[in-house]
Protein backbone atom coordinates (compact mmCIF):
# COMPACT_ATOMS: atom_id res chain seq x y z
CA MET A 1 28.31 85.22 175.75
CA ALA A 2 29.71 84.59 172.29
CA GLY A 3 31.75 81.56 171.67
CA LYS A 4 35.26 81.22 170.33
CA ASN A 5 36.14 82.61 166.95
CA GLY A 6 35.95 80.21 164.03
CA PHE A 7 37.86 80.39 160.78
CA LEU A 8 35.28 82.60 159.12
CA ASP A 9 35.12 84.91 162.14
CA THR A 10 38.90 85.31 162.05
CA LEU A 11 38.89 85.88 158.30
CA LEU A 12 36.32 88.70 158.64
CA THR A 13 38.01 90.47 161.56
CA SER A 14 41.77 89.80 161.32
CA PRO A 15 43.89 92.95 160.65
CA SER A 16 45.98 90.82 158.27
CA THR A 17 42.99 90.43 155.90
CA GLU A 18 41.90 94.07 156.02
CA ARG A 19 43.81 95.11 152.91
CA TYR A 20 42.20 92.27 150.96
CA ARG A 21 38.72 93.34 152.14
CA VAL A 22 39.42 96.94 151.08
CA GLY A 23 40.74 95.71 147.77
CA PHE A 24 37.66 93.61 147.17
CA SER A 25 35.42 96.58 147.87
CA PHE A 26 37.33 98.63 145.28
CA LEU A 27 36.96 95.76 142.81
CA PHE A 28 33.20 95.72 143.47
CA LEU A 29 32.99 99.47 142.76
CA LEU A 30 35.07 99.05 139.61
CA CYS A 31 32.65 96.36 138.39
CA ILE A 32 29.73 98.76 139.00
CA PHE A 33 31.54 101.47 137.00
CA LEU A 34 32.17 99.17 134.05
CA ALA A 35 28.72 97.54 134.08
CA VAL A 36 26.87 100.87 134.22
CA GLY A 37 29.15 102.12 131.42
CA GLN A 38 27.85 99.30 129.23
CA ILE A 39 24.22 99.88 130.26
CA SER A 40 24.33 103.64 129.72
CA ASP A 41 26.35 103.60 126.52
CA GLY A 42 24.95 106.34 124.22
CA MET A 43 23.14 108.16 127.06
CA PRO A 44 24.00 111.84 127.46
CA ASN A 45 26.22 112.45 130.51
CA ASN A 46 26.71 108.75 130.96
CA MET A 47 30.04 109.38 132.74
CA LEU A 48 28.15 111.30 135.42
CA LEU A 49 25.74 108.37 135.81
CA MET A 50 28.65 105.94 136.05
CA ALA A 51 30.24 108.07 138.79
CA ALA A 52 26.88 108.31 140.62
CA ALA A 53 26.46 104.51 140.45
CA VAL A 54 29.87 104.05 142.03
CA ILE A 55 28.91 106.48 144.81
CA GLY A 56 25.61 104.62 145.27
CA GLY A 57 27.50 101.34 145.56
CA TYR A 58 29.82 103.01 148.10
CA MET A 59 26.83 104.20 150.10
CA ALA A 60 25.30 100.70 150.05
CA ILE A 61 28.59 99.21 151.30
CA ASN A 62 28.62 101.65 154.20
CA ILE A 63 24.96 100.92 155.07
CA GLY A 64 25.86 97.21 155.19
CA ALA A 65 28.94 97.92 157.30
CA ASN A 66 27.17 100.14 159.84
CA ASP A 67 23.44 99.71 160.05
CA VAL A 68 23.05 95.92 159.74
CA ALA A 69 24.96 95.40 163.00
CA ASN A 70 21.85 96.44 164.90
CA ASN A 71 19.90 93.48 163.53
CA VAL A 72 22.38 90.72 164.30
CA GLY A 73 24.68 92.17 167.02
CA PRO A 74 22.57 91.01 170.01
CA ALA A 75 22.28 87.47 168.60
CA VAL A 76 26.09 87.35 168.15
CA GLY A 77 26.82 88.85 171.57
CA SER A 78 24.57 86.30 173.28
CA GLY A 79 26.14 83.35 171.49
CA ALA A 80 23.00 82.39 169.58
CA LEU A 81 24.93 82.95 166.35
CA SER A 82 28.63 82.99 165.54
CA LEU A 83 29.93 86.14 163.86
CA GLY A 84 30.46 84.32 160.59
CA GLY A 85 26.99 82.72 160.69
CA ALA A 86 25.37 86.07 161.48
CA VAL A 87 27.15 87.77 158.61
CA LEU A 88 26.06 85.08 156.12
CA ILE A 89 22.43 85.08 157.29
CA ALA A 90 22.20 88.84 157.32
CA ALA A 91 23.87 89.22 153.92
CA VAL A 92 21.44 86.81 152.26
CA PHE A 93 18.33 88.31 153.90
CA GLU A 94 19.42 91.95 153.42
CA ALA A 95 19.97 91.34 149.69
CA GLY A 96 16.77 89.28 149.48
CA GLY A 97 14.71 91.98 151.20
CA ALA A 98 16.10 94.65 148.87
CA ILE A 99 15.48 92.67 145.69
CA ILE A 100 12.13 91.01 146.60
CA ALA A 101 10.47 93.79 148.59
CA GLY A 102 12.49 96.90 147.74
CA GLY A 103 9.71 98.17 145.47
CA ASP A 104 9.49 99.51 141.95
CA VAL A 105 9.25 103.20 142.74
CA VAL A 106 11.16 105.09 145.41
CA SER A 107 10.80 108.62 146.75
CA THR A 108 13.94 110.48 145.78
CA ILE A 109 13.61 113.10 148.48
CA LYS A 110 13.78 111.07 151.68
CA GLY A 111 10.97 112.10 154.02
CA GLY A 112 10.06 115.17 151.91
CA ILE A 113 12.71 117.30 153.62
CA ILE A 114 13.21 119.60 150.68
CA ALA A 115 10.85 120.91 147.96
CA ALA A 116 12.47 119.61 144.78
CA GLU A 117 9.99 121.52 142.59
CA ARG A 118 11.83 124.71 143.50
CA LEU A 119 14.79 123.49 141.42
CA ASP A 120 14.44 124.22 137.71
CA ASP A 121 17.95 123.24 136.65
CA VAL A 122 18.35 119.49 136.03
CA SER A 123 22.11 119.73 136.45
CA ALA A 124 21.74 121.31 139.87
CA PHE A 125 19.38 118.51 140.88
CA VAL A 126 21.86 115.87 139.72
CA TRP A 127 24.69 117.56 141.60
CA LEU A 128 22.45 117.83 144.68
CA MET A 129 21.71 114.11 144.68
CA THR A 130 25.28 113.14 143.96
CA ALA A 131 26.61 115.36 146.77
CA ALA A 132 23.95 114.02 149.22
CA LEU A 133 24.81 110.44 148.39
CA LEU A 134 28.53 110.93 148.73
CA ALA A 135 28.23 112.94 151.98
CA GLY A 136 25.97 110.31 153.56
CA ALA A 137 28.42 107.56 152.54
CA LEU A 138 31.48 109.43 153.87
CA TRP A 139 29.83 110.09 157.20
CA LEU A 140 28.78 106.47 157.56
CA ASN A 141 32.34 105.40 156.69
CA LEU A 142 33.69 107.68 159.41
CA ALA A 143 31.12 106.46 161.96
CA THR A 144 31.94 102.85 161.21
CA TRP A 145 35.66 103.55 161.65
CA MET A 146 34.85 105.16 165.03
CA GLY A 147 32.75 102.16 166.05
CA ALA A 148 29.56 104.23 166.37
CA PRO A 149 26.31 102.74 164.98
CA VAL A 150 24.36 105.66 163.45
CA SER A 151 21.15 105.99 161.45
CA THR A 152 21.71 105.62 157.70
CA THR A 153 18.37 107.36 157.11
CA HIS A 154 19.56 110.40 159.07
CA SER A 155 22.84 110.33 157.16
CA ILE A 156 21.14 110.65 153.78
CA VAL A 157 18.54 113.05 155.23
CA GLY A 158 21.38 115.34 156.33
CA GLY A 159 23.03 115.00 152.92
CA VAL A 160 19.86 115.96 151.02
CA LEU A 161 19.19 118.82 153.43
CA GLY A 162 22.69 120.29 153.14
CA ALA A 163 22.97 119.97 149.41
CA GLY A 164 19.40 121.19 148.98
CA ILE A 165 20.08 124.36 150.94
CA ALA A 166 23.27 124.91 148.95
CA ALA A 167 21.29 124.53 145.73
CA GLY A 168 18.07 126.35 146.56
CA GLY A 169 18.57 128.39 149.72
CA TRP A 170 17.15 127.98 153.24
CA GLY A 171 13.56 128.18 152.04
CA ILE A 172 13.84 124.88 150.18
CA ALA A 173 13.87 122.86 153.43
CA ASP A 174 10.80 121.60 155.30
CA TRP A 175 11.73 122.45 158.87
CA ALA A 176 8.66 120.75 160.35
CA VAL A 177 9.97 117.42 158.97
CA MET A 178 13.38 118.20 160.37
CA ALA A 179 11.82 118.86 163.80
CA LYS A 180 10.34 115.35 163.72
CA ILE A 181 13.74 113.91 162.90
CA VAL A 182 15.25 115.71 165.87
CA ALA A 183 12.45 114.40 168.07
CA SER A 184 13.33 110.82 166.95
CA TRP A 185 16.74 111.18 168.53
CA VAL A 186 15.02 111.01 171.93
CA ILE A 187 11.86 109.01 171.13
CA SER A 188 13.60 106.07 169.43
CA PRO A 189 16.18 105.08 172.03
CA VAL A 190 13.90 105.81 175.00
CA MET A 191 11.06 103.66 173.60
CA GLY A 192 13.44 100.87 172.60
CA GLY A 193 15.26 100.95 175.95
CA VAL A 194 12.13 101.09 178.12
CA LEU A 195 10.40 98.25 176.26
CA ALA A 196 13.50 96.03 176.31
CA ALA A 197 13.99 96.67 180.04
CA LEU A 198 10.33 95.97 180.81
CA PHE A 199 10.41 92.65 178.96
CA LEU A 200 13.63 91.64 180.69
CA TYR A 201 12.22 92.54 184.10
CA ALA A 202 9.04 90.58 183.31
CA ILE A 203 11.07 87.48 182.34
CA LYS A 204 13.15 87.77 185.53
CA LYS A 205 10.06 88.08 187.79
CA THR A 206 7.99 85.37 186.10
CA VAL A 207 10.76 82.85 185.30
CA LEU A 208 14.36 83.55 186.34
CA TYR A 209 13.68 84.60 189.95
CA ARG A 210 11.53 81.53 190.66
CA LYS A 211 12.96 78.71 192.74
CA ASN A 212 11.95 76.21 190.05
CA VAL A 213 12.54 77.91 186.76
CA VAL A 214 11.64 74.94 184.56
CA PRO A 215 7.91 74.85 185.42
CA ALA A 216 7.81 78.64 185.12
CA ALA A 217 9.50 78.45 181.71
CA ARG A 218 6.97 75.89 180.51
CA ILE A 219 4.17 78.39 181.27
CA PHE A 220 5.63 81.73 180.23
CA VAL A 221 8.30 81.09 177.48
CA PRO A 222 5.77 79.92 174.82
CA TRP A 223 3.73 83.10 175.41
CA LEU A 224 6.84 85.29 175.20
CA VAL A 225 7.93 83.76 171.90
CA ALA A 226 4.36 83.93 170.58
CA ILE A 227 4.32 87.66 171.33
CA MET A 228 7.61 87.91 169.41
CA ALA A 229 6.07 85.99 166.49
CA TRP A 230 3.10 88.34 166.38
CA ALA A 231 5.41 91.36 166.55
CA PHE A 232 7.66 90.12 163.75
CA GLY A 233 4.79 88.91 161.59
CA THR A 234 3.11 92.29 161.89
CA TYR A 235 6.40 94.15 161.47
CA LEU A 236 7.25 92.23 158.32
CA MET A 237 3.85 92.95 156.79
CA VAL A 238 3.87 96.64 157.76
CA LYS A 239 7.50 97.38 156.92
CA GLY A 240 9.10 94.44 155.11
CA VAL A 241 6.69 93.69 152.21
CA LYS A 242 4.61 96.89 152.06
CA LYS A 243 5.95 97.65 148.59
CA VAL A 244 4.89 94.21 147.30
CA VAL A 245 1.67 93.55 149.21
CA GLU A 246 -0.41 96.49 150.44
CA VAL A 247 -2.10 95.70 153.77
CA ASP A 248 -3.52 97.86 156.54
CA PHE A 249 -2.49 97.47 160.15
CA LEU A 250 -5.48 95.26 160.98
CA GLY A 251 -4.59 92.85 158.15
CA ALA A 252 -0.98 92.85 159.20
CA SER A 253 -1.97 92.17 162.82
CA LEU A 254 -4.13 89.22 161.79
CA VAL A 255 -1.22 87.72 159.83
CA GLY A 256 0.94 88.19 162.89
CA LEU A 257 -1.73 86.62 165.11
CA GLY A 258 -1.95 83.52 162.91
CA LEU A 259 1.84 83.13 163.02
CA ALA A 260 1.83 83.66 166.78
CA ALA A 261 -0.77 80.87 167.27
CA VAL A 262 1.39 78.42 165.28
CA ILE A 263 4.57 79.42 167.14
CA PHE A 264 2.87 79.15 170.55
CA PHE A 265 1.89 75.51 170.09
CA LEU A 266 5.29 74.63 168.58
CA MET A 267 7.13 76.32 171.48
CA ARG A 268 4.90 74.68 174.08
CA ALA A 269 5.67 71.26 172.63
CA LEU A 270 9.39 72.11 172.44
CA VAL A 271 9.61 73.39 176.01
CA GLY A 272 7.65 70.40 177.25
CA ARG A 273 10.15 68.04 175.66
CA ARG A 274 13.15 69.99 176.90
CA ALA A 275 11.82 70.32 180.44
CA ALA A 276 12.85 66.81 181.45
CA THR A 277 16.53 67.39 180.66
CA MET A 278 16.80 71.20 180.96
CA GLU A 279 19.02 72.66 183.66
CA ASN A 280 16.99 74.30 186.42
CA SER A 281 18.71 77.71 186.02
CA SER A 282 18.81 80.82 183.91
CA ALA A 283 21.35 79.09 181.65
CA GLY A 284 18.78 76.38 180.90
CA VAL A 285 16.11 78.98 180.07
CA ASN A 286 18.58 80.82 177.87
CA THR A 287 18.79 77.86 175.49
CA LEU A 288 15.10 78.18 174.67
CA PHE A 289 15.70 81.53 172.98
CA THR A 290 18.39 80.42 170.49
CA TRP A 291 16.16 79.70 167.49
CA PRO A 292 13.85 82.68 168.10
CA LEU A 293 16.95 84.90 168.05
CA ILE A 294 18.18 83.38 164.79
CA PHE A 295 14.83 83.93 163.12
CA ALA A 296 14.66 87.45 164.55
CA ALA A 297 18.05 88.31 163.06
CA ALA A 298 16.96 87.01 159.65
CA LEU A 299 13.57 88.81 159.64
CA LEU A 300 15.07 92.11 160.87
CA SER A 301 17.65 91.87 158.13
CA PHE A 302 14.99 91.20 155.48
CA ALA A 303 12.89 94.17 156.63
CA HIS A 304 15.96 96.38 156.84
CA GLY A 305 17.03 95.47 153.30
CA ALA A 306 13.54 96.17 151.97
CA ASN A 307 13.40 99.63 153.63
CA ASP A 308 16.90 101.01 153.86
CA VAL A 309 18.10 100.06 150.40
CA ALA A 310 16.21 103.20 149.31
CA ASN A 311 18.84 105.29 151.18
CA ALA A 312 21.43 104.09 148.68
CA ILE A 313 19.41 103.75 145.50
CA GLY A 314 16.84 106.57 145.88
CA PRO A 315 19.24 109.35 144.94
CA LEU A 316 20.85 107.07 142.30
CA ALA A 317 17.44 106.29 140.76
CA ALA A 318 16.69 110.01 140.75
CA ILE A 319 19.93 110.79 138.92
CA ASN A 320 19.22 108.09 136.39
CA ASP A 321 15.66 109.35 135.70
CA ALA A 322 16.78 113.01 135.64
CA LEU A 323 19.52 112.31 133.08
CA SER A 324 17.18 110.12 130.97
CA ALA A 325 14.16 112.46 131.04
CA GLY A 326 15.99 115.77 131.37
CA ALA A 327 13.70 116.85 134.23
CA VAL A 328 13.64 117.03 138.00
CA VAL A 329 11.82 114.02 139.53
CA THR A 330 10.40 113.44 143.01
CA ALA A 331 9.55 109.73 142.52
CA ALA A 332 11.78 107.58 140.35
CA SER A 333 11.36 104.13 138.85
CA ILE A 334 14.02 101.62 139.85
CA PRO A 335 15.75 99.74 137.01
CA LEU A 336 17.01 96.25 137.94
CA TRP A 337 20.64 97.33 137.77
CA VAL A 338 20.02 100.10 140.30
CA MET A 339 18.40 97.66 142.72
CA LEU A 340 21.28 95.22 142.27
CA VAL A 341 23.79 97.94 143.08
CA GLY A 342 22.01 98.57 146.40
CA ALA A 343 21.31 94.93 147.28
CA LEU A 344 24.78 93.59 146.50
CA GLY A 345 26.39 96.65 148.11
CA LEU A 346 24.56 95.96 151.35
CA ALA A 347 25.76 92.35 151.36
CA VAL A 348 29.33 93.24 150.39
CA GLY A 349 29.59 95.96 153.04
CA LEU A 350 28.21 93.71 155.74
CA MET A 351 30.56 90.84 154.95
CA LEU A 352 33.69 92.96 154.56
CA PHE A 353 33.31 95.65 157.21
CA GLY A 354 30.21 94.80 159.29
CA PRO A 355 31.89 92.65 161.98
CA ARG A 356 33.41 95.65 163.74
CA LEU A 357 30.00 97.20 164.53
CA ILE A 358 28.44 93.80 165.18
CA LYS A 359 31.00 93.29 167.96
CA THR A 360 30.36 96.79 169.34
CA VAL A 361 26.59 96.25 169.53
CA GLY A 362 26.80 92.62 170.68
CA THR A 363 29.63 92.54 173.17
CA GLU A 364 31.19 95.91 173.96
CA ILE A 365 28.26 97.99 175.30
CA THR A 366 26.99 95.48 177.88
CA GLU A 367 27.12 91.76 178.47
CA LEU A 368 24.30 89.97 176.65
CA ASP A 369 22.85 86.51 177.13
CA LYS A 370 20.10 85.03 175.00
CA THR A 371 17.33 86.26 177.29
CA ARG A 372 18.55 89.87 177.09
CA ALA A 373 19.09 89.64 173.34
CA PHE A 374 15.54 88.28 172.95
CA CYS A 375 14.16 91.32 174.81
CA ILE A 376 16.16 93.69 172.56
CA ALA A 377 14.92 92.03 169.38
CA LEU A 378 11.29 92.00 170.60
CA SER A 379 11.57 95.63 171.66
CA ALA A 380 12.89 96.61 168.21
CA ALA A 381 9.87 95.15 166.39
CA LEU A 382 7.24 96.35 168.88
CA THR A 383 8.64 99.88 169.02
CA VAL A 384 8.46 100.26 165.23
CA ILE A 385 4.86 98.96 165.23
CA ILE A 386 3.73 101.23 168.07
CA ALA A 387 5.49 104.29 166.70
CA SER A 388 4.13 103.81 163.19
CA GLN A 389 0.58 103.63 164.54
CA LEU A 390 1.04 106.70 166.72
CA GLY A 391 2.76 108.63 163.93
CA LEU A 392 5.94 109.03 165.97
CA PRO A 393 9.20 109.42 164.06
CA VAL A 394 11.66 106.67 165.00
CA SER A 395 14.97 105.26 163.81
CA SER A 396 15.45 101.49 163.80
CA THR A 397 19.10 102.01 164.61
CA HIS A 398 18.39 104.16 167.64
CA ILE A 399 15.69 101.71 168.80
CA ALA A 400 18.04 98.72 168.74
CA ILE A 401 20.87 100.54 170.47
CA GLY A 402 18.42 101.96 172.98
CA GLY A 403 17.33 98.35 173.71
CA VAL A 404 20.91 97.30 174.38
CA PHE A 405 21.45 100.19 176.80
CA GLY A 406 18.06 99.55 178.37
CA VAL A 407 18.83 95.98 179.40
CA GLY A 408 22.30 97.04 180.56
CA PHE A 409 21.02 99.80 182.80
CA LEU A 410 18.33 97.48 184.22
CA ARG A 411 21.06 95.02 185.22
CA GLU A 412 22.94 97.86 186.92
CA TYR A 413 19.83 98.94 188.79
CA LEU A 414 18.97 95.45 189.98
CA LYS A 415 22.46 94.71 191.20
CA SER A 416 22.77 98.06 192.92
CA ASN A 417 19.38 97.62 194.55
CA TYR A 418 20.12 94.23 196.02
CA ALA A 419 23.61 95.20 197.17
CA THR A 420 22.35 98.37 198.81
CA GLN A 421 19.72 96.43 200.75
CA LEU A 422 22.32 93.93 201.87
CA HIS A 423 24.72 96.68 202.94
CA ASN A 424 22.03 98.30 205.12
CA ILE A 425 21.09 95.00 206.76
CA MET A 426 24.71 94.09 207.54
CA ASP A 427 25.46 97.58 208.96
CA SER A 428 22.92 97.14 211.72
CA HIS A 429 24.62 94.12 213.38
CA GLU A 430 27.26 93.74 216.11
CA GLU A 431 30.97 94.12 215.32
CA GLU A 432 32.31 90.91 216.97
CA GLU A 433 30.60 88.71 214.42
CA ARG A 434 32.56 90.14 211.50
CA GLU A 435 34.44 86.93 210.78
CA ARG A 436 31.26 85.21 209.82
CA LEU A 437 30.75 87.74 207.07
CA ARG A 438 33.82 86.86 204.98
CA PRO A 439 32.51 83.63 203.39
CA PHE A 440 29.26 85.43 202.63
CA LEU A 441 31.12 88.27 200.94
CA GLU A 442 33.02 85.81 198.80
CA ASP A 443 29.73 84.21 197.64
CA PHE A 444 28.22 87.65 197.08
CA ARG A 445 31.15 88.79 194.93
CA ASN A 446 30.76 85.80 192.64
CA ALA A 447 26.98 85.88 192.49
CA SER A 448 24.92 86.68 189.43
CA VAL A 449 22.13 89.24 189.73
CA GLU A 450 19.62 86.37 190.03
CA GLN A 451 21.56 84.66 192.86
CA MET A 452 21.94 87.96 194.80
CA GLU A 453 18.26 87.87 195.83
CA ASN A 454 18.72 84.43 197.38
CA LEU A 455 21.82 85.65 199.24
CA LEU A 456 19.83 88.61 200.50
CA GLN A 457 17.16 86.31 201.89
CA GLN A 458 19.81 84.16 203.58
CA ALA A 459 21.32 87.26 205.14
CA LYS A 460 17.97 88.17 206.69
CA LYS A 461 17.43 84.71 208.09
CA LYS A 462 20.99 84.06 209.41
CA LYS A 463 21.49 87.59 210.84
CA GLN A 464 24.84 88.05 209.18
CA VAL A 465 27.33 90.45 210.81
CA PRO A 466 28.14 94.09 209.80
CA LEU A 467 30.93 95.12 207.44
CA SER A 468 34.24 96.76 208.35
CA LYS A 469 35.13 100.07 206.68
CA LYS A 470 37.45 98.26 204.31
CA GLU A 471 34.85 95.64 203.50
CA ARG A 472 32.16 98.26 202.97
CA LYS A 473 34.42 99.91 200.36
CA ARG A 474 34.93 96.58 198.65
CA LEU A 475 31.18 95.93 198.61
CA LYS A 476 30.50 99.39 197.18
CA LYS A 477 32.93 98.64 194.37
CA ILE A 478 30.93 95.56 193.57
CA TYR A 479 27.54 97.23 193.39
CA ARG A 480 28.90 100.29 191.65
CA GLU A 481 30.30 98.14 188.87
CA GLU A 482 29.34 99.58 185.51
CA MET A 483 27.43 97.04 183.44
CA VAL A 484 27.10 99.59 180.60
CA LYS A 485 30.26 101.08 179.13
CA ARG A 486 29.84 104.84 179.59
CA SER A 487 32.53 105.59 176.95
CA HIS A 488 30.41 103.80 174.33
CA LEU A 489 27.27 105.64 175.50
CA THR A 490 28.95 109.03 175.12
CA ARG A 491 30.49 108.26 171.73
CA ILE A 492 27.28 106.81 170.26
CA VAL A 493 25.01 109.61 171.49
CA ALA A 494 27.45 112.24 170.19
CA ALA A 495 27.51 110.54 166.80
CA TRP A 496 23.68 110.46 166.69
CA ILE A 497 23.40 114.14 167.45
CA ILE A 498 25.92 115.31 164.88
CA THR A 499 24.92 112.91 162.08
CA VAL A 500 22.46 115.25 160.35
CA PRO A 501 24.51 118.48 160.68
CA ALA A 502 27.76 116.69 159.79
CA SER A 503 26.44 115.03 156.62
CA ALA A 504 24.62 118.28 155.75
CA CYS A 505 27.80 120.36 155.93
CA MET A 506 29.74 117.81 153.88
CA ALA A 507 26.99 117.69 151.26
CA ALA A 508 26.92 121.46 150.95
CA ILE A 509 30.70 121.57 150.40
CA LEU A 510 30.53 118.74 147.91
CA PHE A 511 27.69 120.40 146.01
CA PHE A 512 29.65 123.64 145.56
CA THR A 513 32.73 121.56 144.59
CA LEU A 514 30.80 119.63 141.96
CA ARG A 515 29.15 122.75 140.59
CA GLY A 516 32.56 124.50 140.36
CA LEU A 517 34.12 121.51 138.59
CA LEU A 518 31.31 120.82 136.17
CA LEU A 519 30.10 124.28 135.21
């Protein structure tokens, strides 16, 4: 559980500071407008480029506000990081990933969803990209306001699709690519959720459910963290620095393996030292995952900045090249000022508006401790690696949120399973011994999922008495407790489903509006 709010946490979340945060974001966009005006002085249609740069900055702010929450939310919810600390770490690593590993050339048509060569008119291409960028940003802004983490890639994909169809007709779209995107709505959260739940169940069976958790932790925790090190080392090579250093999967795996070996011996030494003073409980084991979670948050943010900055600057770079060269482009060079707009926009958006979604992911969907958060982070990296090798389309946002739901539903299942067994055992005993049940029920009500198994064993040995009708109802309320907020599940899934069509419709309307104003 997250700790108490500090000064920085309050500053970032207090309603009294909201107007200042909004004002600062407008000041940031004004600075972009003025700076690009100086850079593009003398260029034809430089006012259009200045406006596009502001929209690109606005898109980057919204990516920072919405998408980055998936990288640091579990660490915050588990208490491994404070909200303020998470925001600072993620802002630095997001911007660093964008600038260091964002690449020199970016595909302007995300995922090849439309055939840009079918557009002969440069002006129509510029309007298309501008409308796509603005539509994606507006949808992300709305989703952030609703508290729904959505895929920024799908937002810009929908924008490009809608504006592309408006500019070139239905035939301009590649519907096979769109089918893969639709498939990712199911594949991503299911893979993320299943892997996170499997890792959590494995930790419970090998460590947390043991009578002596410290010896079990000394054996298994170094291996678990080493697996995480391999996953993140490989993930970073495959996704994070692919535009700087070109490596195949085997090379990336070997880098990850080397990192895993180092981390294994470090963790074994650390756990060995901590074993003498560590509490013999799940709370003691939880402390071992603090630093792995902090590093995971930083590495996920770096990889996200390197990859998803293209969602903000790809269309902007295309507009810049199209206006400079007077031709439609499908791959655009990235000037330093364009990369800075994206990198700084990510950091600004995260710091000013990211805490809302960070709290949603970290604390409002289900209760997270460090062990559960570790499983979510590990699942996120492994799912991307597995999917990329199998050629499956996935969204990092959907994977991370699927992981949160996965551990939550596993907790519900385990608690329901133990309580149901207990209920059946009690129901078979004689009525006159009911009074002996009440102390047991009180212990059961206050038990954690891990303690419930011990209580179940005690019930079998001591032959506890059956439950009254009233008590059975009370017990059912306990094991039917929802450990995953269904309202959040419904809202998030709905937002995922409508992201592409919503941003597509907005982009089409904006394209026709721009064309009508500028013709």
